[in-house]
Amino acid sequence: MELREYFRIISRYGKFFWGMVILATLAAFLLTRFQPQTYLASTTLTVNKSSHLKQSEINYYLFDNYYNIQSAGLFSQIVANWFESPALVKEIYEKSGLDLPKVSQKKLSKTFKAVREEPATINVSLTDTDKSKIERLINASAQVMQEKTNELGKADPGNTYDIIKFQPIVTQTTPNLWLNTLIGFFVGAILGIIFGLGIDYFRKEE
């Protein structure tokens, strides 16, 4: 189909086409303009494994630092996976003094986003419309992870880890109003063309 054929169909069903464009554009504008303010809280956790012996205390080379880095990297993956555990998320809510939301375990496991970076760093973040809530949750998360790490260390005192938390930061996420409105305009135009072609096709079939 040639380009001029599309323009012919648009002109034939101009009211329907522009109605779709205006409706989609207005919907995008209103949904973006009046959606609740959302906040993003994030922090960085670093997993460290310390040596019992110090290189300065002995006269031979220690390979402990190398192995400790490797061990901390492996353990950081375990910590990152803990954030996907509904049971651990429940403990974080309890530690922060907040009521557990009445949602499914699947949704609860997606409360936090934990991304592991080499060698033993975990970037943790979560979003919500309540700024105070996510501040308390992001702070409590590191405490719970350290407590669980300490519990594992009791079984093997020589294999202990420390979880260091960077100062959390909370920012307001503001959607791009005009970009979303423009996207709504193009979506409306595409839908208008598709429906116009469909109507034109079925009318010809008749």
Protein backbone atom coordinates (compact mmCIF):
# COMPACT_ATOMS: atom_id res chain seq x y z
CA MET A 1 0.00 0.00 0.00
CA GLU A 2 1.36 3.39 -1.00
CA LEU A 3 1.76 6.26 1.45
CA ARG A 4 -0.95 8.30 -0.21
CA GLU A 5 -3.37 5.42 0.41
CA TYR A 6 -2.78 5.80 4.14
CA PHE A 7 -3.50 9.51 3.93
CA ARG A 8 -6.65 8.75 1.96
CA ILE A 9 -7.89 6.41 4.70
CA ILE A 10 -6.98 8.91 7.42
CA SER A 11 -8.89 11.65 5.64
CA ARG A 12 -11.87 9.33 5.15
CA TYR A 13 -11.99 8.46 8.84
CA GLY A 14 -10.55 11.75 10.06
CA LYS A 15 -12.91 12.17 13.01
CA PHE A 16 -12.18 8.67 14.27
CA PHE A 17 -8.41 9.08 13.75
CA TRP A 18 -8.11 12.42 15.52
CA GLY A 19 -10.44 11.20 18.26
CA MET A 20 -8.01 8.36 18.99
CA VAL A 21 -5.05 10.74 18.90
CA ILE A 22 -6.67 13.24 21.29
CA LEU A 23 -7.89 10.50 23.63
CA ALA A 24 -4.49 8.76 23.87
CA THR A 25 -2.62 12.05 24.24
CA LEU A 26 -4.96 13.31 26.94
CA ALA A 27 -4.84 9.99 28.78
CA ALA A 28 -1.02 9.98 28.78
CA PHE A 29 -0.94 13.57 30.02
CA LEU A 30 -3.44 13.02 32.84
CA LEU A 31 -1.97 9.70 33.99
CA THR A 32 1.50 11.23 34.18
CA ARG A 33 0.38 14.51 35.70
CA PHE A 34 -1.71 13.07 38.51
CA GLN A 35 0.10 9.87 39.38
CA PRO A 36 1.34 9.68 43.01
CA GLN A 37 4.85 10.90 43.78
CA THR A 38 7.29 8.00 43.86
CA TYR A 39 10.55 7.81 45.79
CA LEU A 40 13.63 5.71 45.15
CA ALA A 41 15.87 4.58 48.03
CA SER A 42 19.22 2.98 47.33
CA THR A 43 22.36 1.93 49.12
CA THR A 44 25.45 -0.18 48.52
CA LEU A 45 26.50 -3.14 50.64
CA THR A 46 30.04 -4.46 50.63
CA VAL A 47 30.85 -7.93 51.95
CA ASN A 48 34.24 -8.30 53.64
CA LYS A 49 35.99 -11.34 55.06
CA SER A 50 38.86 -10.52 57.38
CA SER A 51 41.94 -12.62 58.08
CA HIS A 52 42.90 -13.76 61.55
CA LEU A 53 46.57 -13.33 60.68
CA LYS A 54 48.09 -10.09 59.42
CA GLN A 55 50.85 -10.05 56.82
CA SER A 56 52.87 -7.70 59.04
CA GLU A 57 52.84 -10.24 61.87
CA ILE A 58 54.60 -13.05 59.98
CA ASN A 59 57.65 -13.47 57.74
CA TYR A 60 56.06 -15.51 54.95
CA TYR A 61 53.53 -14.52 52.27
CA LEU A 62 49.86 -14.95 53.01
CA PHE A 63 47.45 -15.89 50.28
CA ASP A 64 44.54 -15.18 52.60
CA ASN A 65 43.75 -11.80 51.06
CA TYR A 66 43.24 -13.37 47.64
CA TYR A 67 41.09 -16.19 49.01
CA ASN A 68 39.16 -13.81 51.24
CA ILE A 69 38.21 -11.67 48.24
CA GLN A 70 37.06 -14.77 46.35
CA SER A 71 35.12 -16.01 49.36
CA ALA A 72 33.50 -12.63 49.96
CA GLY A 73 32.46 -12.50 46.30
CA LEU A 74 30.74 -15.87 46.55
CA PHE A 75 29.05 -14.96 49.80
CA SER A 76 27.83 -11.64 48.36
CA GLN A 77 25.83 -13.65 45.82
CA ILE A 78 24.12 -15.45 48.69
CA VAL A 79 23.31 -12.14 50.37
CA ALA A 80 21.90 -10.76 47.11
CA ASN A 81 19.66 -13.84 46.83
CA TRP A 82 18.42 -13.31 50.39
CA PHE A 83 16.69 -10.14 49.25
CA GLU A 84 14.41 -12.33 47.12
CA SER A 85 13.31 -14.39 50.10
CA PRO A 86 9.81 -13.48 51.39
CA ALA A 87 10.86 -14.70 54.85
CA LEU A 88 13.82 -12.30 54.94
CA VAL A 89 11.70 -9.44 53.60
CA LYS A 90 9.24 -10.15 56.42
CA GLU A 91 12.07 -9.85 58.95
CA ILE A 92 13.16 -6.55 57.39
CA TYR A 93 9.64 -5.17 57.83
CA GLU A 94 9.62 -6.33 61.45
CA LYS A 95 13.05 -4.79 62.08
CA SER A 96 11.87 -1.45 60.63
CA GLY A 97 8.71 -1.49 62.76
CA LEU A 98 6.38 -1.58 59.76
CA ASP A 99 3.38 -3.80 59.13
CA LEU A 100 3.87 -6.45 56.48
CA PRO A 101 1.76 -5.58 53.39
CA LYS A 102 -1.02 -8.01 52.54
CA VAL A 103 0.38 -9.15 49.21
CA SER A 104 1.41 -12.47 47.70
CA GLN A 105 4.79 -13.99 48.52
CA LYS A 106 5.80 -13.52 44.87
CA LYS A 107 5.19 -9.78 45.08
CA LEU A 108 6.83 -9.60 48.49
CA SER A 109 9.99 -11.17 47.05
CA LYS A 110 10.20 -8.28 44.57
CA THR A 111 10.18 -5.56 47.26
CA PHE A 112 13.94 -5.06 46.92
CA LYS A 113 16.11 -5.00 43.84
CA ALA A 114 19.56 -6.33 44.68
CA VAL A 115 22.19 -6.35 41.95
CA ARG A 116 25.56 -7.92 42.70
CA GLU A 117 28.66 -6.28 41.27
CA GLU A 118 32.16 -7.74 41.28
CA PRO A 119 33.92 -8.55 43.45
CA ALA A 120 31.68 -8.34 46.53
CA THR A 121 29.39 -5.33 46.18
CA ILE A 122 25.59 -5.33 46.17
CA ASN A 123 23.53 -2.37 45.00
CA VAL A 124 20.17 -2.42 46.77
CA SER A 125 17.16 -0.28 45.90
CA LEU A 126 13.39 -0.09 46.34
CA THR A 127 10.61 2.29 45.35
CA ASP A 128 7.42 3.41 47.05
CA THR A 129 5.15 6.41 47.41
CA ASP A 130 5.98 6.67 51.13
CA LYS A 131 9.40 8.29 51.64
CA SER A 132 9.62 7.50 55.37
CA LYS A 133 8.75 3.86 54.75
CA ILE A 134 11.51 3.15 52.26
CA GLU A 135 14.06 4.99 54.40
CA ARG A 136 13.29 2.66 57.30
CA LEU A 137 13.28 -0.43 55.08
CA ILE A 138 16.60 0.33 53.36
CA ASN A 139 18.28 0.89 56.74
CA ALA A 140 16.76 -2.21 58.31
CA SER A 141 17.77 -4.39 55.37
CA ALA A 142 21.50 -4.11 56.10
CA GLN A 143 20.92 -4.87 59.79
CA VAL A 144 18.95 -8.02 59.01
CA MET A 145 21.53 -9.22 56.50
CA GLN A 146 24.32 -8.77 59.07
CA GLU A 147 22.32 -10.62 61.71
CA LYS A 148 21.77 -13.56 59.34
CA THR A 149 25.45 -13.52 58.45
CA ASN A 150 26.37 -13.61 62.14
CA GLU A 151 24.08 -16.59 62.67
CA LEU A 152 25.92 -18.50 59.96
CA GLY A 153 29.25 -17.47 61.48
CA LYS A 154 28.38 -19.09 64.82
CA ALA A 155 28.69 -22.52 63.23
CA ASP A 156 32.16 -21.66 61.91
CA PRO A 157 33.81 -18.81 63.86
CA GLY A 158 36.76 -18.75 61.49
CA ASN A 159 34.51 -18.10 58.53
CA THR A 160 32.83 -14.79 59.36
CA TYR A 161 31.86 -11.85 57.17
CA ASP A 162 31.10 -8.19 57.72
CA ILE A 163 28.51 -6.31 55.70
CA ILE A 164 29.34 -2.63 55.31
CA LYS A 165 26.48 -0.32 54.35
CA PHE A 166 26.97 2.95 52.51
CA GLN A 167 24.81 5.90 53.57
CA PRO A 168 21.43 5.39 51.85
CA ILE A 169 20.09 8.05 49.51
CA VAL A 170 16.42 8.77 48.82
CA THR A 171 15.34 10.75 45.77
CA GLN A 172 12.03 11.64 44.20
CA THR A 173 11.42 10.10 40.80
CA THR A 174 9.56 12.45 38.49
CA PRO A 175 8.27 11.10 35.16
CA ASN A 176 8.82 13.19 32.04
CA LEU A 177 5.38 14.74 31.47
CA TRP A 178 5.98 16.02 27.95
CA LEU A 179 7.81 12.91 26.77
CA ASN A 180 4.97 10.67 27.98
CA THR A 181 2.43 13.00 26.35
CA LEU A 182 4.33 12.83 23.05
CA ILE A 183 4.44 9.03 23.30
CA GLY A 184 0.68 9.07 23.90
CA PHE A 185 0.25 11.17 20.75
CA PHE A 186 2.15 8.69 18.59
CA VAL A 187 0.39 5.71 20.17
CA GLY A 188 -2.95 7.34 19.43
CA ALA A 189 -1.88 8.02 15.84
CA ILE A 190 -0.81 4.40 15.32
CA LEU A 191 -4.03 3.07 16.85
CA GLY A 192 -6.04 5.49 14.72
CA ILE A 193 -4.35 4.23 11.56
CA ILE A 194 -4.75 0.57 12.54
CA PHE A 195 -8.43 0.91 13.37
CA GLY A 196 -9.00 3.05 10.28
CA LEU A 197 -7.42 0.37 8.07
CA GLY A 198 -9.48 -2.30 9.80
CA ILE A 199 -12.74 -0.44 9.32
CA ASP A 200 -11.89 0.32 5.70
CA TYR A 201 -11.01 -3.34 5.06
CA PHE A 202 -14.22 -4.77 6.50
CA ARG A 203 -16.35 -2.19 4.72
CA LYS A 204 -14.79 -3.26 1.42
CA GLU A 205 -15.50 -6.88 2.27
CA GLU A 206 -19.15 -6.05 2.65
